[in-house]
Amino acid sequence: MVTYRKQDIVATEKVQKHFTKRFVGLKSMSYQQRLTQSNLHSLELRRLLIDLIWCYKVLFGLVNLDCKK
């Protein structure tokens, strides 16, 4: 299981914010508007989606888990 430190999350999100400002015509938009226009998701939402997918796989037995560990 991967754990994230808050400072790592903030630093990574900052990179995405900076990157999306470089797209032509998006510099003056808010971060959320740039994500929508670029058809991207925030890193926070991506982590949530991955967690939900993992939970789904566990619930429906799509992954091998050793519950004794």
PDB file of N, CA and C in Angstrom:
ATOM      1  N   MET A   1       0.838  -1.179   0.000  1.00  0.00           N
ATOM      2  CA  MET A   1       0.000   0.000   0.000  1.00  0.00           C
ATOM      3  C   MET A   1       0.883   1.242   0.000  1.00  0.00           C
ATOM      4  N   VAL A   2       0.548   2.174  -0.812  1.00  0.00           N
ATOM      5  CA  VAL A   2       1.323   3.398  -0.921  1.00  0.00           C
ATOM      6  C   VAL A   2       0.728   4.449   0.004  1.00  0.00           C
ATOM      7  N   THR A   3       1.586   5.133   0.735  1.00  0.00           N
ATOM      8  CA  THR A   3       1.122   6.239   1.560  1.00  0.00           C
ATOM      9  C   THR A   3       1.678   7.531   0.971  1.00  0.00           C
ATOM     10  N   TYR A   4       0.914   8.568   1.075  1.00  0.00           N
ATOM     11  CA  TYR A   4       1.302   9.860   0.535  1.00  0.00           C
ATOM     12  C   TYR A   4       1.481  10.848   1.673  1.00  0.00           C
ATOM     13  N   ARG A   5       2.522  11.632   1.578  1.00  0.00           N
ATOM     14  CA  ARG A   5       2.690  12.719   2.526  1.00  0.00           C
ATOM     15  C   ARG A   5       2.037  13.954   1.926  1.00  0.00           C
ATOM     16  N   LYS A   6       1.453  14.757   2.774  1.00  0.00           N
ATOM     17  CA  LYS A   6       0.736  15.952   2.325  1.00  0.00           C
ATOM     18  C   LYS A   6       1.631  16.849   1.478  1.00  0.00           C
ATOM     19  N   GLN A   7       2.886  17.014   1.879  1.00  0.00           N
ATOM     20  CA  GLN A   7       3.785  17.897   1.130  1.00  0.00           C
ATOM     21  C   GLN A   7       4.066  17.335  -0.264  1.00  0.00           C
ATOM     22  N   ASP A   8       4.100  16.015  -0.418  1.00  0.00           N
ATOM     23  CA  ASP A   8       4.296  15.410  -1.737  1.00  0.00           C
ATOM     24  C   ASP A   8       3.078  15.642  -2.623  1.00  0.00           C
ATOM     25  N   ILE A   9       1.902  15.518  -2.038  1.00  0.00           N
ATOM     26  CA  ILE A   9       0.659  15.741  -2.778  1.00  0.00           C
ATOM     27  C   ILE A   9       0.584  17.184  -3.256  1.00  0.00           C
ATOM     28  N   VAL A  10       0.883  18.113  -2.371  1.00  0.00           N
ATOM     29  CA  VAL A  10       0.839  19.538  -2.711  1.00  0.00           C
ATOM     30  C   VAL A  10       1.854  19.852  -3.803  1.00  0.00           C
ATOM     31  N   ALA A  11       3.056  19.304  -3.691  1.00  0.00           N
ATOM     32  CA  ALA A  11       4.109  19.564  -4.681  1.00  0.00           C
ATOM     33  C   ALA A  11       3.713  19.016  -6.052  1.00  0.00           C
ATOM     34  N   THR A  12       3.138  17.821  -6.084  1.00  0.00           N
ATOM     35  CA  THR A  12       2.737  17.222  -7.354  1.00  0.00           C
ATOM     36  C   THR A  12       1.586  17.990  -7.982  1.00  0.00           C
ATOM     37  N   GLU A  13       0.629  18.386  -7.180  1.00  0.00           N
ATOM     38  CA  GLU A  13      -0.505  19.170  -7.694  1.00  0.00           C
ATOM     39  C   GLU A  13      -0.005  20.515  -8.228  1.00  0.00           C
ATOM     40  N   LYS A  14       0.986  21.093  -7.589  1.00  0.00           N
ATOM     41  CA  LYS A  14       1.553  22.367  -8.033  1.00  0.00           C
ATOM     42  C   LYS A  14       2.163  22.235  -9.427  1.00  0.00           C
ATOM     43  N   VAL A  15       2.796  21.108  -9.695  1.00  0.00           N
ATOM     44  CA  VAL A  15       3.368  20.857 -11.019  1.00  0.00           C
ATOM     45  C   VAL A  15       2.265  20.825 -12.069  1.00  0.00           C
ATOM     46  N   GLN A  16       1.156  20.131 -11.758  1.00  0.00           N
ATOM     47  CA  GLN A  16       0.051  20.069 -12.715  1.00  0.00           C
ATOM     48  C   GLN A  16      -0.566  21.444 -12.926  1.00  0.00           C
ATOM     49  N   LYS A  17      -0.688  22.218 -11.861  1.00  0.00           N
ATOM     50  CA  LYS A  17      -1.235  23.572 -11.998  1.00  0.00           C
ATOM     51  C   LYS A  17      -0.358  24.416 -12.913  1.00  0.00           C
ATOM     52  N   HIS A  18       0.942  24.334 -12.710  1.00  0.00           N
ATOM     53  CA  HIS A  18       1.887  25.092 -13.535  1.00  0.00           C
ATOM     54  C   HIS A  18       1.829  24.617 -14.989  1.00  0.00           C
ATOM     55  N   PHE A  19       1.786  23.305 -15.177  1.00  0.00           N
ATOM     56  CA  PHE A  19       1.763  22.736 -16.522  1.00  0.00           C
ATOM     57  C   PHE A  19       0.532  23.184 -17.297  1.00  0.00           C
ATOM     58  N   THR A  20      -0.652  23.172 -16.667  1.00  0.00           N
ATOM     59  CA  THR A  20      -1.879  23.522 -17.383  1.00  0.00           C
ATOM     60  C   THR A  20      -1.922  25.009 -17.736  1.00  0.00           C
ATOM     61  N   LYS A  21      -1.176  25.841 -17.022  1.00  0.00           N
ATOM     62  CA  LYS A  21      -1.114  27.265 -17.369  1.00  0.00           C
ATOM     63  C   LYS A  21      -0.376  27.490 -18.682  1.00  0.00           C
ATOM     64  N   ARG A  22       0.424  26.534 -19.088  1.00  0.00           N
ATOM     65  CA  ARG A  22       1.226  26.673 -20.305  1.00  0.00           C
ATOM     66  C   ARG A  22       0.425  26.389 -21.568  1.00  0.00           C
ATOM     67  N   PHE A  23      -0.781  25.827 -21.444  1.00  0.00           N
ATOM     68  CA  PHE A  23      -1.613  25.578 -22.615  1.00  0.00           C
ATOM     69  C   PHE A  23      -2.079  26.914 -23.192  1.00  0.00           C
ATOM     70  N   VAL A  24      -2.071  27.011 -24.494  1.00  0.00           N
ATOM     71  CA  VAL A  24      -2.470  28.237 -25.178  1.00  0.00           C
ATOM     72  C   VAL A  24      -3.921  28.573 -24.844  1.00  0.00           C
ATOM     73  N   GLY A  25      -4.143  29.810 -24.400  1.00  0.00           N
ATOM     74  CA  GLY A  25      -5.486  30.290 -24.124  1.00  0.00           C
ATOM     75  C   GLY A  25      -6.044  29.938 -22.755  1.00  0.00           C
ATOM     76  N   LEU A  26      -5.301  29.212 -21.933  1.00  0.00           N
ATOM     77  CA  LEU A  26      -5.831  28.793 -20.641  1.00  0.00           C
ATOM     78  C   LEU A  26      -5.193  29.527 -19.464  1.00  0.00           C
ATOM     79  N   LYS A  27      -4.210  30.356 -19.710  1.00  0.00           N
ATOM     80  CA  LYS A  27      -3.449  30.980 -18.631  1.00  0.00           C
ATOM     81  C   LYS A  27      -4.320  31.808 -17.683  1.00  0.00           C
ATOM     82  N   SER A  28      -5.311  32.496 -18.210  1.00  0.00           N
ATOM     83  CA  SER A  28      -6.121  33.387 -17.369  1.00  0.00           C
ATOM     84  C   SER A  28      -7.257  32.654 -16.646  1.00  0.00           C
ATOM     85  N   MET A  29      -7.439  31.383 -16.937  1.00  0.00           N
ATOM     86  CA  MET A  29      -8.531  30.617 -16.311  1.00  0.00           C
ATOM     87  C   MET A  29      -8.113  30.091 -14.944  1.00  0.00           C
ATOM     88  N   SER A  30      -9.116  29.752 -14.143  1.00  0.00           N
ATOM     89  CA  SER A  30      -8.840  29.115 -12.853  1.00  0.00           C
ATOM     90  C   SER A  30      -8.334  27.706 -13.100  1.00  0.00           C
ATOM     91  N   TYR A  31      -7.736  27.129 -12.070  1.00  0.00           N
ATOM     92  CA  TYR A  31      -7.199  25.775 -12.194  1.00  0.00           C
ATOM     93  C   TYR A  31      -8.298  24.787 -12.574  1.00  0.00           C
ATOM     94  N   GLN A  32      -9.454  24.884 -11.932  1.00  0.00           N
ATOM     95  CA  GLN A  32     -10.562  23.978 -12.231  1.00  0.00           C
ATOM     96  C   GLN A  32     -11.030  24.155 -13.672  1.00  0.00           C
ATOM     97  N   GLN A  33     -11.107  25.380 -14.156  1.00  0.00           N
ATOM     98  CA  GLN A  33     -11.508  25.615 -15.545  1.00  0.00           C
ATOM     99  C   GLN A  33     -10.479  25.041 -16.518  1.00  0.00           C
ATOM    100  N   ARG A  34      -9.189  25.182 -16.179  1.00  0.00           N
ATOM    101  CA  ARG A  34      -8.142  24.625 -17.044  1.00  0.00           C
ATOM    102  C   ARG A  34      -8.239  23.110 -17.104  1.00  0.00           C
ATOM    103  N   LEU A  35      -8.541  22.468 -15.955  1.00  0.00           N
ATOM    104  CA  LEU A  35      -8.692  21.014 -15.948  1.00  0.00           C
ATOM    105  C   LEU A  35      -9.864  20.595 -16.829  1.00  0.00           C
ATOM    106  N   THR A  36     -10.969  21.303 -16.720  1.00  0.00           N
ATOM    107  CA  THR A  36     -12.152  20.981 -17.518  1.00  0.00           C
ATOM    108  C   THR A  36     -11.863  21.149 -19.005  1.00  0.00           C
ATOM    109  N   GLN A  37     -11.253  22.262 -19.367  1.00  0.00           N
ATOM    110  CA  GLN A  37     -10.933  22.521 -20.773  1.00  0.00           C
ATOM    111  C   GLN A  37      -9.931  21.518 -21.329  1.00  0.00           C
ATOM    112  N   SER A  38      -9.042  21.029 -20.482  1.00  0.00           N
ATOM    113  CA  SER A  38      -7.997  20.096 -20.909  1.00  0.00           C
ATOM    114  C   SER A  38      -8.430  18.644 -20.807  1.00  0.00           C
ATOM    115  N   ASN A  39      -9.657  18.430 -20.318  1.00  0.00           N
ATOM    116  CA  ASN A  39     -10.185  17.080 -20.115  1.00  0.00           C
ATOM    117  C   ASN A  39      -9.290  16.284 -19.159  1.00  0.00           C
ATOM    118  N   LEU A  40      -8.866  16.936 -18.082  1.00  0.00           N
ATOM    119  CA  LEU A  40      -8.042  16.308 -17.054  1.00  0.00           C
ATOM    120  C   LEU A  40      -8.790  16.290 -15.731  1.00  0.00           C
ATOM    121  N   HIS A  41      -8.309  15.464 -14.804  1.00  0.00           N
ATOM    122  CA  HIS A  41      -8.840  15.423 -13.450  1.00  0.00           C
ATOM    123  C   HIS A  41      -7.747  15.885 -12.495  1.00  0.00           C
ATOM    124  N   SER A  42      -8.165  16.430 -11.357  1.00  0.00           N
ATOM    125  CA  SER A  42      -7.181  16.798 -10.348  1.00  0.00           C
ATOM    126  C   SER A  42      -6.519  15.528  -9.824  1.00  0.00           C
ATOM    127  N   LEU A  43      -5.341  15.667  -9.304  1.00  0.00           N
ATOM    128  CA  LEU A  43      -4.634  14.514  -8.767  1.00  0.00           C
ATOM    129  C   LEU A  43      -5.378  13.928  -7.572  1.00  0.00           C
ATOM    130  N   GLU A  44      -6.031  14.781  -6.813  1.00  0.00           N
ATOM    131  CA  GLU A  44      -6.830  14.305  -5.673  1.00  0.00           C
ATOM    132  C   GLU A  44      -7.959  13.398  -6.154  1.00  0.00           C
ATOM    133  N   LEU A  45      -8.636  13.812  -7.225  1.00  0.00           N
ATOM    134  CA  LEU A  45      -9.722  12.996  -7.760  1.00  0.00           C
ATOM    135  C   LEU A  45      -9.183  11.686  -8.329  1.00  0.00           C
ATOM    136  N   ARG A  46      -8.037  11.726  -8.978  1.00  0.00           N
ATOM    137  CA  ARG A  46      -7.437  10.496  -9.509  1.00  0.00           C
ATOM    138  C   ARG A  46      -7.122   9.505  -8.394  1.00  0.00           C
ATOM    139  N   ARG A  47      -6.574  10.005  -7.282  1.00  0.00           N
ATOM    140  CA  ARG A  47      -6.281   9.115  -6.152  1.00  0.00           C
ATOM    141  C   ARG A  47      -7.565   8.512  -5.592  1.00  0.00           C
ATOM    142  N   LEU A  48      -8.616   9.313  -5.496  1.00  0.00           N
ATOM    143  CA  LEU A  48      -9.904   8.819  -5.013  1.00  0.00           C
ATOM    144  C   LEU A  48     -10.455   7.739  -5.938  1.00  0.00           C
ATOM    145  N   LEU A  49     -10.399   7.967  -7.246  1.00  0.00           N
ATOM    146  CA  LEU A  49     -10.889   6.981  -8.204  1.00  0.00           C
ATOM    147  C   LEU A  49     -10.119   5.670  -8.101  1.00  0.00           C
ATOM    148  N   ILE A  50      -8.808   5.751  -7.948  1.00  0.00           N
ATOM    149  CA  ILE A  50      -7.995   4.544  -7.800  1.00  0.00           C
ATOM    150  C   ILE A  50      -8.389   3.791  -6.529  1.00  0.00           C
ATOM    151  N   ASP A  51      -8.614   4.524  -5.440  1.00  0.00           N
ATOM    152  CA  ASP A  51      -9.045   3.886  -4.190  1.00  0.00           C
ATOM    153  C   ASP A  51     -10.399   3.197  -4.356  1.00  0.00           C
ATOM    154  N   LEU A  52     -11.320   3.854  -5.051  1.00  0.00           N
ATOM    155  CA  LEU A  52     -12.643   3.265  -5.264  1.00  0.00           C
ATOM    156  C   LEU A  52     -12.569   2.024  -6.148  1.00  0.00           C
ATOM    157  N   ILE A  53     -11.742   2.067  -7.170  1.00  0.00           N
ATOM    158  CA  ILE A  53     -11.559   0.897  -8.036  1.00  0.00           C
ATOM    159  C   ILE A  53     -10.983  -0.261  -7.234  1.00  0.00           C
ATOM    160  N   TRP A  54     -10.006   0.031  -6.386  1.00  0.00           N
ATOM    161  CA  TRP A  54      -9.410  -1.014  -5.548  1.00  0.00           C
ATOM    162  C   TRP A  54     -10.472  -1.622  -4.620  1.00  0.00           C
ATOM    163  N   CYS A  55     -11.288  -0.790  -4.001  1.00  0.00           N
ATOM    164  CA  CYS A  55     -12.356  -1.286  -3.120  1.00  0.00           C
ATOM    165  C   CYS A  55     -13.331  -2.181  -3.892  1.00  0.00           C
ATOM    166  N   TYR A  56     -13.699  -1.778  -5.091  1.00  0.00           N
ATOM    167  CA  TYR A  56     -14.587  -2.565  -5.933  1.00  0.00           C
ATOM    168  C   TYR A  56     -13.984  -3.946  -6.196  1.00  0.00           C
ATOM    169  N   LYS A  57     -12.705  -3.961  -6.563  1.00  0.00           N
ATOM    170  CA  LYS A  57     -12.035  -5.228  -6.855  1.00  0.00           C
ATOM    171  C   LYS A  57     -11.977  -6.127  -5.625  1.00  0.00           C
ATOM    172  N   VAL A  58     -11.753  -5.545  -4.467  1.00  0.00           N
ATOM    173  CA  VAL A  58     -11.705  -6.331  -3.232  1.00  0.00           C
ATOM    174  C   VAL A  58     -13.092  -6.898  -2.926  1.00  0.00           C
ATOM    175  N   LEU A  59     -14.123  -6.062  -3.015  1.00  0.00           N
ATOM    176  CA  LEU A  59     -15.483  -6.496  -2.697  1.00  0.00           C
ATOM    177  C   LEU A  59     -15.973  -7.622  -3.600  1.00  0.00           C
ATOM    178  N   PHE A  60     -15.586  -7.587  -4.860  1.00  0.00           N
ATOM    179  CA  PHE A  60     -16.071  -8.576  -5.808  1.00  0.00           C
ATOM    180  C   PHE A  60     -15.058  -9.691  -6.079  1.00  0.00           C
ATOM    181  N   GLY A  61     -14.041  -9.777  -5.236  1.00  0.00           N
ATOM    182  CA  GLY A  61     -13.089 -10.872  -5.322  1.00  0.00           C
ATOM    183  C   GLY A  61     -12.238 -10.888  -6.569  1.00  0.00           C
ATOM    184  N   LEU A  62     -11.964  -9.735  -7.115  1.00  0.00           N
ATOM    185  CA  LEU A  62     -11.176  -9.652  -8.344  1.00  0.00           C
ATOM    186  C   LEU A  62      -9.678  -9.561  -8.090  1.00  0.00           C
ATOM    187  N   VAL A  63      -9.291  -9.532  -6.822  1.00  0.00           N
ATOM    188  CA  VAL A  63      -7.877  -9.544  -6.445  1.00  0.00           C
ATOM    189  C   VAL A  63      -7.673 -10.627  -5.389  1.00  0.00           C
ATOM    190  N   ASN A  64      -6.493 -11.182  -5.385  1.00  0.00           N
ATOM    191  CA  ASN A  64      -6.161 -12.193  -4.385  1.00  0.00           C
ATOM    192  C   ASN A  64      -5.608 -11.507  -3.143  1.00  0.00           C
ATOM    193  N   LEU A  65      -6.337 -11.620  -2.053  1.00  0.00           N
ATOM    194  CA  LEU A  65      -5.889 -11.047  -0.795  1.00  0.00           C
ATOM    195  C   LEU A  65      -5.753 -12.161   0.230  1.00  0.00           C
ATOM    196  N   ASP A  66      -4.673 -12.113   0.963  1.00  0.00           N
ATOM    197  CA  ASP A  66      -4.493 -13.047   2.067  1.00  0.00           C
ATOM    198  C   ASP A  66      -4.983 -12.336   3.318  1.00  0.00           C
ATOM    199  N   CYS A  67      -6.201 -12.619   3.722  1.00  0.00           N
ATOM    200  CA  CYS A  67      -6.831 -11.920   4.849  1.00  0.00           C
ATOM    201  C   CYS A  67      -6.142 -12.243   6.169  1.00  0.00           C
ATOM    202  N   LYS A  68      -5.367 -13.330   6.212  1.00  0.00           N
ATOM    203  CA  LYS A  68      -4.662 -13.693   7.433  1.00  0.00           C
ATOM    204  C   LYS A  68      -3.504 -12.753   7.718  1.00  0.00           C
ATOM    205  N   LYS A  69      -2.995 -12.123   6.682  1.00  0.00           N
ATOM    206  CA  LYS A  69      -1.889 -11.163   6.862  1.00  0.00           C
ATOM    207  C   LYS A  69      -2.472  -9.854   7.275  1.00  0.00           C
TER     208      LYS A  69
END
